Amino acid sequence: MSACPAGESRSTGALIVIVGLVAFAVIALLGVLMALAIYGVRKYVTSAQLAEGRDAVTAIAQGIARCSTPRGYVPRSSTPIPVELALVSGRKYQSRAAEWSQEPFVCAAYTRSEPQYFQYQWLSEGEASGVARAEADLNGDGRAEIRLEMDVVCGPSGCLAAREVREIVH
């Protein structure tokens, strides 16, 4: 004879199945929540990185427009900072003050003291126009996936920076 009645063993079996299903549901829910959290953090970090690039390009372009207005022409092109995109490939780069001593950045009164995710450059397109540019390889695959640009154009009434930053996704 069995020590427990038949009804009790069915109840115990049902309880084990229910506990197992609940445990599985909780584990699945935790997995989904963790995936959403990782996605949210990545999205936030990418947004902050893009904000750095947009702010810098805007400041460089507006600074060049301001300093070029009395002169009537834009400065010559700069070398990129950093010189190689690989130096910001999936990581931050800490520039040196000397790198920002190039004519366009001095003209724009622009310098960086904090680490950067983007490679910055001023590109002259002649005496009366140019573009402030930032490129980034945020995912570290060795290729730039985003370029941010803002044009500066000089005319009879002075020099103006474009109203918006142009985003080019590669």
N, C-alpha and C. Protein backbone atom coordinates (compact mmCIF):
# COMPACT_ATOMS: atom_id res chain seq x y z
N MET A 1 0.82 -1.19 0.00
CA MET A 1 0.00 0.00 0.00
C MET A 1 0.86 1.25 0.00
N SER A 2 0.40 2.24 -0.66
CA SER A 2 1.08 3.53 -0.80
C SER A 2 0.90 4.34 0.48
N ALA A 3 1.95 5.16 0.78
CA ALA A 3 1.88 5.98 1.98
C ALA A 3 0.97 7.18 1.78
N CYS A 4 0.81 7.68 0.52
CA CYS A 4 -0.09 8.80 0.30
C CYS A 4 -1.25 8.35 -0.56
N PRO A 5 -2.38 8.93 -0.28
CA PRO A 5 -3.54 8.62 -1.11
C PRO A 5 -3.30 9.11 -2.54
N ALA A 6 -4.00 8.52 -3.52
CA ALA A 6 -3.83 8.84 -4.94
C ALA A 6 -4.10 10.30 -5.23
N GLY A 7 -5.04 10.92 -4.62
CA GLY A 7 -5.38 12.34 -4.85
C GLY A 7 -4.25 13.26 -4.44
N GLU A 8 -3.54 12.90 -3.38
CA GLU A 8 -2.45 13.71 -2.89
C GLU A 8 -1.28 13.69 -3.87
N SER A 9 -0.96 12.55 -4.49
CA SER A 9 0.15 12.48 -5.43
C SER A 9 -0.17 13.25 -6.70
N ARG A 10 -1.44 13.27 -7.10
CA ARG A 10 -1.83 14.10 -8.27
C ARG A 10 -1.67 15.57 -7.94
N SER A 11 -2.03 15.98 -6.75
CA SER A 11 -1.91 17.38 -6.33
C SER A 11 -0.45 17.80 -6.28
N THR A 12 0.41 16.93 -5.78
CA THR A 12 1.83 17.21 -5.72
C THR A 12 2.41 17.33 -7.12
N GLY A 13 2.02 16.45 -8.00
CA GLY A 13 2.49 16.50 -9.39
C GLY A 13 2.03 17.77 -10.08
N ALA A 14 0.78 18.15 -9.87
CA ALA A 14 0.25 19.38 -10.47
C ALA A 14 0.99 20.60 -9.93
N LEU A 15 1.27 20.59 -8.63
CA LEU A 15 1.99 21.69 -8.00
C LEU A 15 3.40 21.81 -8.59
N ILE A 16 4.07 20.71 -8.81
CA ILE A 16 5.41 20.72 -9.41
C ILE A 16 5.37 21.28 -10.83
N VAL A 17 4.37 20.89 -11.59
CA VAL A 17 4.22 21.41 -12.96
C VAL A 17 3.96 22.91 -12.93
N ILE A 18 3.11 23.39 -12.03
CA ILE A 18 2.79 24.82 -11.94
C ILE A 18 4.03 25.60 -11.52
N VAL A 19 4.75 25.11 -10.52
CA VAL A 19 5.97 25.79 -10.08
C VAL A 19 6.99 25.84 -11.23
N GLY A 20 7.13 24.77 -11.96
CA GLY A 20 8.03 24.74 -13.10
C GLY A 20 7.65 25.74 -14.17
N LEU A 21 6.35 25.85 -14.48
CA LEU A 21 5.89 26.82 -15.48
C LEU A 21 6.11 28.25 -15.02
N VAL A 22 5.84 28.51 -13.75
CA VAL A 22 6.05 29.85 -13.21
C VAL A 22 7.54 30.20 -13.26
N ALA A 23 8.40 29.26 -12.86
CA ALA A 23 9.84 29.50 -12.91
C ALA A 23 10.30 29.78 -14.34
N PHE A 24 9.80 29.00 -15.29
CA PHE A 24 10.15 29.21 -16.70
C PHE A 24 9.69 30.59 -17.15
N ALA A 25 8.47 31.00 -16.79
CA ALA A 25 7.93 32.31 -17.17
C ALA A 25 8.77 33.44 -16.58
N VAL A 26 9.17 33.29 -15.32
CA VAL A 26 9.99 34.32 -14.67
C VAL A 26 11.35 34.43 -15.36
N ILE A 27 11.97 33.31 -15.66
CA ILE A 27 13.27 33.32 -16.34
C ILE A 27 13.14 33.95 -17.73
N ALA A 28 12.08 33.61 -18.45
CA ALA A 28 11.86 34.19 -19.78
C ALA A 28 11.64 35.69 -19.68
N LEU A 29 10.85 36.11 -18.69
CA LEU A 29 10.58 37.54 -18.50
C LEU A 29 11.86 38.29 -18.15
N LEU A 30 12.68 37.71 -17.29
CA LEU A 30 13.96 38.34 -16.96
C LEU A 30 14.86 38.47 -18.19
N GLY A 31 14.85 37.47 -19.04
CA GLY A 31 15.63 37.54 -20.28
C GLY A 31 15.17 38.67 -21.17
N VAL A 32 13.86 38.82 -21.31
CA VAL A 32 13.30 39.90 -22.13
C VAL A 32 13.65 41.25 -21.52
N LEU A 33 13.49 41.39 -20.21
CA LEU A 33 13.80 42.65 -19.54
C LEU A 33 15.28 43.00 -19.66
N MET A 34 16.15 42.01 -19.56
CA MET A 34 17.58 42.26 -19.72
C MET A 34 17.90 42.71 -21.15
N ALA A 35 17.28 42.08 -22.12
CA ALA A 35 17.50 42.48 -23.52
C ALA A 35 17.04 43.91 -23.75
N LEU A 36 15.88 44.27 -23.19
CA LEU A 36 15.38 45.65 -23.33
C LEU A 36 16.29 46.64 -22.63
N ALA A 37 16.81 46.27 -21.47
CA ALA A 37 17.72 47.15 -20.74
C ALA A 37 19.00 47.38 -21.54
N ILE A 38 19.56 46.33 -22.11
CA ILE A 38 20.79 46.45 -22.91
C ILE A 38 20.52 47.34 -24.12
N TYR A 39 19.38 47.14 -24.78
CA TYR A 39 19.02 47.97 -25.93
C TYR A 39 18.90 49.43 -25.52
N GLY A 40 18.25 49.67 -24.39
CA GLY A 40 18.06 51.05 -23.91
C GLY A 40 19.37 51.72 -23.59
N VAL A 41 20.27 51.02 -22.94
CA VAL A 41 21.57 51.59 -22.60
C VAL A 41 22.37 51.88 -23.87
N ARG A 42 22.37 50.94 -24.81
CA ARG A 42 23.10 51.17 -26.08
C ARG A 42 22.54 52.38 -26.82
N LYS A 43 21.22 52.49 -26.85
CA LYS A 43 20.58 53.61 -27.53
C LYS A 43 20.96 54.94 -26.85
N TYR A 44 20.97 54.94 -25.53
CA TYR A 44 21.35 56.14 -24.79
C TYR A 44 22.80 56.52 -25.08
N VAL A 45 23.71 55.55 -25.05
CA VAL A 45 25.13 55.82 -25.29
C VAL A 45 25.33 56.36 -26.71
N THR A 46 24.69 55.73 -27.69
CA THR A 46 24.80 56.20 -29.08
C THR A 46 24.27 57.61 -29.22
N SER A 47 23.16 57.89 -28.58
CA SER A 47 22.58 59.23 -28.62
C SER A 47 23.54 60.26 -28.02
N ALA A 48 24.18 59.92 -26.92
CA ALA A 48 25.15 60.83 -26.29
C ALA A 48 26.36 61.03 -27.19
N GLN A 49 26.82 59.97 -27.85
CA GLN A 49 27.96 60.09 -28.75
C GLN A 49 27.61 60.99 -29.93
N LEU A 50 26.43 60.83 -30.51
CA LEU A 50 26.02 61.67 -31.63
C LEU A 50 25.86 63.12 -31.20
N ALA A 51 25.40 63.34 -29.98
CA ALA A 51 25.26 64.71 -29.47
C ALA A 51 26.63 65.40 -29.42
N GLU A 52 27.67 64.66 -29.02
CA GLU A 52 29.01 65.22 -29.01
C GLU A 52 29.38 65.72 -30.40
N GLY A 53 29.19 64.88 -31.41
CA GLY A 53 29.53 65.24 -32.78
C GLY A 53 28.74 66.42 -33.30
N ARG A 54 27.43 66.41 -33.07
CA ARG A 54 26.58 67.52 -33.53
C ARG A 54 26.98 68.84 -32.87
N ASP A 55 27.20 68.80 -31.56
CA ASP A 55 27.57 70.03 -30.84
C ASP A 55 28.91 70.57 -31.35
N ALA A 56 29.88 69.69 -31.55
CA ALA A 56 31.20 70.13 -32.00
C ALA A 56 31.16 70.70 -33.41
N VAL A 57 30.48 70.02 -34.32
CA VAL A 57 30.38 70.50 -35.70
C VAL A 57 29.68 71.86 -35.74
N THR A 58 28.63 72.00 -34.96
CA THR A 58 27.91 73.28 -34.91
C THR A 58 28.82 74.38 -34.38
N ALA A 59 29.54 74.11 -33.30
CA ALA A 59 30.43 75.12 -32.71
C ALA A 59 31.54 75.51 -33.69
N ILE A 60 32.11 74.53 -34.37
CA ILE A 60 33.18 74.83 -35.33
C ILE A 60 32.65 75.67 -36.48
N ALA A 61 31.53 75.26 -37.07
CA ALA A 61 30.96 75.99 -38.21
C ALA A 61 30.54 77.41 -37.82
N GLN A 62 29.87 77.55 -36.69
CA GLN A 62 29.45 78.89 -36.26
C GLN A 62 30.64 79.77 -35.92
N GLY A 63 31.67 79.18 -35.31
CA GLY A 63 32.88 79.93 -35.00
C GLY A 63 33.59 80.40 -36.26
N ILE A 64 33.66 79.54 -37.25
CA ILE A 64 34.31 79.92 -38.51
C ILE A 64 33.50 81.00 -39.23
N ALA A 65 32.19 80.90 -39.19
CA ALA A 65 31.34 81.94 -39.81
C ALA A 65 31.58 83.28 -39.12
N ARG A 66 31.67 83.29 -37.80
CA ARG A 66 31.90 84.53 -37.04
C ARG A 66 33.26 85.14 -37.38
N CYS A 67 34.30 84.32 -37.36
CA CYS A 67 35.65 84.88 -37.57
C CYS A 67 35.91 85.21 -39.04
N SER A 68 35.19 84.57 -39.95
CA SER A 68 35.42 84.81 -41.38
C SER A 68 34.67 86.02 -41.90
N THR A 69 33.61 86.43 -41.23
CA THR A 69 32.80 87.55 -41.72
C THR A 69 33.62 88.81 -41.94
N PRO A 70 34.42 89.27 -40.97
CA PRO A 70 35.19 90.50 -41.24
C PRO A 70 36.28 90.30 -42.30
N ARG A 71 36.79 89.09 -42.41
CA ARG A 71 37.85 88.80 -43.38
C ARG A 71 37.29 88.62 -44.79
N GLY A 72 36.09 88.06 -44.88
CA GLY A 72 35.46 87.81 -46.18
C GLY A 72 35.85 86.50 -46.81
N TYR A 73 36.61 85.70 -46.12
CA TYR A 73 37.01 84.38 -46.65
C TYR A 73 37.19 83.41 -45.49
N VAL A 74 37.06 82.12 -45.81
CA VAL A 74 37.20 81.08 -44.78
C VAL A 74 38.64 80.61 -44.70
N PRO A 75 39.05 80.03 -43.58
CA PRO A 75 40.43 79.53 -43.47
C PRO A 75 40.69 78.30 -44.34
N ARG A 76 41.97 78.01 -44.53
CA ARG A 76 42.37 76.80 -45.26
C ARG A 76 41.89 75.57 -44.50
N SER A 77 41.91 74.43 -45.18
CA SER A 77 41.52 73.15 -44.56
C SER A 77 42.50 72.77 -43.45
N SER A 78 41.97 72.03 -42.50
CA SER A 78 42.80 71.51 -41.41
C SER A 78 43.11 70.04 -41.68
N THR A 79 44.04 69.51 -40.91
CA THR A 79 44.20 68.05 -40.90
C THR A 79 43.18 67.52 -39.89
N PRO A 80 42.74 66.29 -40.05
CA PRO A 80 41.76 65.75 -39.10
C PRO A 80 42.36 65.56 -37.71
N ILE A 81 41.50 65.64 -36.72
CA ILE A 81 41.90 65.39 -35.33
C ILE A 81 40.97 64.32 -34.77
N PRO A 82 41.51 63.14 -34.48
CA PRO A 82 42.88 62.70 -34.67
C PRO A 82 43.18 62.47 -36.15
N VAL A 83 44.44 62.31 -36.47
CA VAL A 83 44.88 62.16 -37.86
C VAL A 83 44.28 60.89 -38.48
N GLU A 84 44.17 59.82 -37.72
CA GLU A 84 43.64 58.55 -38.23
C GLU A 84 42.32 58.21 -37.55
N LEU A 85 41.35 57.78 -38.35
CA LEU A 85 40.05 57.37 -37.82
C LEU A 85 40.20 56.20 -36.84
N ALA A 86 41.19 55.36 -37.06
CA ALA A 86 41.41 54.19 -36.19
C ALA A 86 41.61 54.60 -34.72
N LEU A 87 42.05 55.82 -34.48
CA LEU A 87 42.27 56.27 -33.11
C LEU A 87 40.97 56.54 -32.35
N VAL A 88 39.85 56.67 -33.07
CA VAL A 88 38.53 56.82 -32.43
C VAL A 88 37.62 55.64 -32.80
N SER A 89 38.20 54.59 -33.31
CA SER A 89 37.43 53.44 -33.76
C SER A 89 36.94 52.62 -32.56
N GLY A 90 35.67 52.85 -32.19
CA GLY A 90 35.07 52.13 -31.08
C GLY A 90 35.58 52.55 -29.72
N ARG A 91 36.22 53.70 -29.65
CA ARG A 91 36.76 54.18 -28.37
C ARG A 91 36.92 55.69 -28.40
N LYS A 92 37.21 56.24 -27.24
CA LYS A 92 37.44 57.68 -27.14
C LYS A 92 38.91 57.99 -27.42
N TYR A 93 39.14 59.22 -27.88
CA TYR A 93 40.49 59.70 -28.15
C TYR A 93 40.71 60.97 -27.33
N GLN A 94 41.82 61.07 -26.68
CA GLN A 94 42.16 62.28 -25.93
C GLN A 94 43.13 63.12 -26.75
N SER A 95 42.63 64.21 -27.29
CA SER A 95 43.49 65.08 -28.10
C SER A 95 44.38 65.93 -27.20
N ARG A 96 45.41 66.49 -27.83
CA ARG A 96 46.31 67.41 -27.14
C ARG A 96 45.96 68.83 -27.58
N ALA A 97 46.22 69.79 -26.73
CA ALA A 97 45.92 71.20 -27.04
C ALA A 97 46.59 71.63 -28.34
N ALA A 98 47.79 71.14 -28.61
CA ALA A 98 48.53 71.52 -29.82
C ALA A 98 47.79 71.12 -31.10
N GLU A 99 47.01 70.05 -31.05
CA GLU A 99 46.28 69.61 -32.25
C GLU A 99 45.23 70.64 -32.68
N TRP A 100 44.72 71.41 -31.71
CA TRP A 100 43.68 72.41 -32.00
C TRP A 100 44.27 73.77 -32.35
N SER A 101 45.59 73.86 -32.53
CA SER A 101 46.23 75.14 -32.84
C SER A 101 46.26 75.43 -34.34
N GLN A 102 45.60 74.60 -35.13
CA GLN A 102 45.52 74.83 -36.57
C GLN A 102 44.62 76.05 -36.84
N GLU A 103 44.90 76.76 -37.92
CA GLU A 103 44.21 78.01 -38.25
C GLU A 103 42.69 77.95 -38.15
N PRO A 104 42.01 76.94 -38.74
CA PRO A 104 40.55 76.95 -38.67
C PRO A 104 40.01 76.88 -37.24
N PHE A 105 40.65 76.09 -36.38
CA PHE A 105 40.15 75.94 -35.01
C PHE A 105 40.46 77.17 -34.17
N VAL A 106 41.61 77.80 -34.43
CA VAL A 106 41.94 79.04 -33.74
C VAL A 106 40.95 80.12 -34.17
N CYS A 107 40.70 80.20 -35.48
CA CYS A 107 39.74 81.17 -36.03
C CYS A 107 38.37 80.98 -35.39
N ALA A 108 37.95 79.73 -35.25
CA ALA A 108 36.64 79.42 -34.68
C ALA A 108 36.63 79.49 -33.16
N ALA A 109 37.79 79.69 -32.55
CA ALA A 109 37.93 79.67 -31.09
C ALA A 109 37.42 78.34 -30.54
N TYR A 110 37.79 77.27 -31.25
CA TYR A 110 37.33 75.94 -30.84
C TYR A 110 38.50 75.08 -30.40
N THR A 111 38.32 74.44 -29.29
CA THR A 111 39.29 73.47 -28.77
C THR A 111 38.53 72.45 -27.94
N ARG A 112 39.13 71.31 -27.73
CA ARG A 112 38.53 70.25 -26.90
C ARG A 112 39.51 69.85 -25.82
N SER A 113 38.99 69.68 -24.63
CA SER A 113 39.85 69.17 -23.56
C SER A 113 39.35 67.80 -23.08
N GLU A 114 38.13 67.44 -23.45
CA GLU A 114 37.60 66.14 -23.04
C GLU A 114 37.76 65.12 -24.17
N PRO A 115 37.76 63.84 -23.82
CA PRO A 115 37.91 62.80 -24.86
C PRO A 115 36.79 62.87 -25.90
N GLN A 116 37.10 62.39 -27.09
CA GLN A 116 36.15 62.50 -28.21
C GLN A 116 35.96 61.16 -28.90
N TYR A 117 34.73 60.97 -29.42
CA TYR A 117 34.39 59.77 -30.19
C TYR A 117 34.53 60.02 -31.69
N PHE A 118 34.65 61.30 -32.09
CA PHE A 118 34.66 61.68 -33.50
C PHE A 118 36.02 62.19 -33.94
N GLN A 119 36.27 62.08 -35.23
CA GLN A 119 37.41 62.69 -35.89
C GLN A 119 36.88 63.99 -36.49
N TYR A 120 37.49 65.13 -36.13
CA TYR A 120 37.00 66.44 -36.57
C TYR A 120 37.92 67.05 -37.61
N GLN A 121 37.30 67.83 -38.53
CA GLN A 121 38.08 68.48 -39.57
C GLN A 121 37.30 69.65 -40.15
N TRP A 122 38.03 70.68 -40.56
CA TRP A 122 37.47 71.77 -41.34
C TRP A 122 37.99 71.60 -42.76
N LEU A 123 37.08 71.64 -43.74
CA LEU A 123 37.44 71.49 -45.14
C LEU A 123 37.03 72.74 -45.91
N SER A 124 38.02 73.47 -46.40
CA SER A 124 37.76 74.64 -47.23
C SER A 124 37.35 74.18 -48.62
N GLU A 125 36.33 74.82 -49.16
CA GLU A 125 35.88 74.52 -50.53
C GLU A 125 36.09 75.72 -51.43
N GLY A 126 37.09 76.51 -51.12
CA GLY A 126 37.38 77.74 -51.85
C GLY A 126 37.43 78.87 -50.83
N GLU A 127 37.56 80.11 -51.33
CA GLU A 127 37.68 81.24 -50.41
C GLU A 127 36.39 81.54 -49.66
N ALA A 128 35.25 81.22 -50.27
CA ALA A 128 33.98 81.67 -49.70
C ALA A 128 33.12 80.56 -49.09
N SER A 129 33.64 79.35 -48.98
CA SER A 129 32.81 78.29 -48.39
C SER A 129 33.66 77.14 -47.88
N GLY A 130 33.04 76.38 -47.02
CA GLY A 130 33.70 75.20 -46.47
C GLY A 130 32.71 74.41 -45.63
N VAL A 131 33.22 73.33 -45.03
CA VAL A 131 32.35 72.47 -44.24
C VAL A 131 33.10 71.97 -43.00
N ALA A 132 32.40 72.05 -41.87
CA ALA A 132 32.91 71.44 -40.64
C ALA A 132 32.44 70.00 -40.67
N ARG A 133 33.35 69.06 -40.42
CA ARG A 133 33.01 67.64 -40.57
C ARG A 133 33.44 66.85 -39.34
N ALA A 134 32.62 65.86 -38.99
CA ALA A 134 32.96 64.90 -37.93
C ALA A 134 32.61 63.52 -38.45
N GLU A 135 33.54 62.58 -38.30
CA GLU A 135 33.29 61.19 -38.70
C GLU A 135 33.55 60.29 -37.51
N ALA A 136 32.76 59.21 -37.43
CA ALA A 136 32.94 58.28 -36.31
C ALA A 136 32.75 56.84 -36.74
N ASP A 137 33.52 55.99 -36.10
CA ASP A 137 33.37 54.54 -36.18
C ASP A 137 32.97 54.09 -34.78
N LEU A 138 31.72 54.29 -34.44
CA LEU A 138 31.25 54.04 -33.08
C LEU A 138 31.23 52.56 -32.72
N ASN A 139 31.03 51.69 -33.71
CA ASN A 139 30.97 50.25 -33.41
C ASN A 139 32.33 49.56 -33.48
N GLY A 140 33.37 50.28 -33.85
CA GLY A 140 34.72 49.75 -33.83
C GLY A 140 35.06 48.74 -34.92
N ASP A 141 34.32 48.77 -36.04
CA ASP A 141 34.59 47.79 -37.11
C ASP A 141 35.63 48.28 -38.12
N GLY A 142 36.21 49.45 -37.89
CA GLY A 142 37.25 49.95 -38.78
C GLY A 142 36.74 50.84 -39.90
N ARG A 143 35.42 51.02 -40.00
CA ARG A 143 34.85 51.89 -41.04
C ARG A 143 33.93 52.93 -40.39
N ALA A 144 34.00 54.16 -40.88
CA ALA A 144 33.11 55.21 -40.37
C ALA A 144 31.68 54.87 -40.78
N GLU A 145 30.78 54.89 -39.82
CA GLU A 145 29.37 54.64 -40.17
C GLU A 145 28.53 55.91 -40.13
N ILE A 146 29.09 56.99 -39.60
CA ILE A 146 28.34 58.24 -39.56
C ILE A 146 29.27 59.41 -39.84
N ARG A 147 28.77 60.34 -40.63
CA ARG A 147 29.48 61.59 -40.89
C ARG A 147 28.49 62.72 -40.62
N LEU A 148 28.94 63.72 -39.89
CA LEU A 148 28.14 64.90 -39.60
C LEU A 148 28.82 66.09 -40.27
N GLU A 149 28.04 66.93 -40.96
CA GLU A 149 28.61 68.08 -41.66
C GLU A 149 27.73 69.31 -41.47
N MET A 150 28.40 70.46 -41.45
CA MET A 150 27.70 71.74 -41.43
C MET A 150 28.46 72.71 -42.33
N ASP A 151 27.75 73.24 -43.31
CA ASP A 151 28.35 74.15 -44.29
C ASP A 151 28.48 75.56 -43.74
N VAL A 152 29.48 76.28 -44.25
CA VAL A 152 29.66 77.71 -44.01
C VAL A 152 29.83 78.35 -45.37
N VAL A 153 29.06 79.41 -45.62
CA VAL A 153 29.11 80.12 -46.90
C VAL A 153 29.25 81.61 -46.63
N CYS A 154 30.17 82.25 -47.35
CA CYS A 154 30.38 83.69 -47.22
C CYS A 154 29.80 84.40 -48.44
N GLY A 155 29.16 85.51 -48.19
CA GLY A 155 28.59 86.33 -49.26
C GLY A 155 28.82 87.79 -48.95
N PRO A 156 28.20 88.69 -49.72
CA PRO A 156 28.41 90.12 -49.52
C PRO A 156 28.03 90.62 -48.12
N SER A 157 27.07 89.95 -47.48
CA SER A 157 26.63 90.41 -46.16
C SER A 157 27.31 89.66 -45.01
N GLY A 158 28.29 88.83 -45.32
CA GLY A 158 29.00 88.10 -44.27
C GLY A 158 28.98 86.60 -44.49
N CYS A 159 29.42 85.88 -43.48
CA CYS A 159 29.48 84.43 -43.56
C CYS A 159 28.44 83.82 -42.62
N LEU A 160 27.82 82.76 -43.09
CA LEU A 160 26.77 82.10 -42.31
C LEU A 160 27.01 80.60 -42.27
N ALA A 161 26.71 80.03 -41.10
CA ALA A 161 26.71 78.57 -40.96
C ALA A 161 25.31 78.08 -41.31
N ALA A 162 25.23 76.88 -41.85
CA ALA A 162 23.92 76.28 -42.17
C ALA A 162 23.09 76.19 -40.88
N ARG A 163 21.79 76.04 -41.04
CA ARG A 163 20.90 75.95 -39.87
C ARG A 163 20.95 74.60 -39.19
N GLU A 164 21.23 73.55 -39.96
CA GLU A 164 21.19 72.20 -39.39
C GLU A 164 22.43 71.41 -39.76
N VAL A 165 22.73 70.46 -38.90
CA VAL A 165 23.82 69.51 -39.16
C VAL A 165 23.28 68.44 -40.11
N ARG A 166 24.06 68.13 -41.13
CA ARG A 166 23.69 67.10 -42.09
C ARG A 166 24.29 65.77 -41.60
N GLU A 167 23.45 64.73 -41.52
CA GLU A 167 23.90 63.40 -41.12
C GLU A 167 23.99 62.51 -42.33
N ILE A 168 25.13 61.88 -42.52
CA ILE A 168 25.33 60.95 -43.62
C ILE A 168 25.70 59.61 -43.00
N VAL A 169 24.84 58.62 -43.18
CA VAL A 169 25.07 57.30 -42.61
C VAL A 169 25.65 56.43 -43.71
N HIS A 170 26.77 55.78 -43.41
CA HIS A 170 27.45 54.92 -44.40
C HIS A 170 26.93 53.51 -44.29
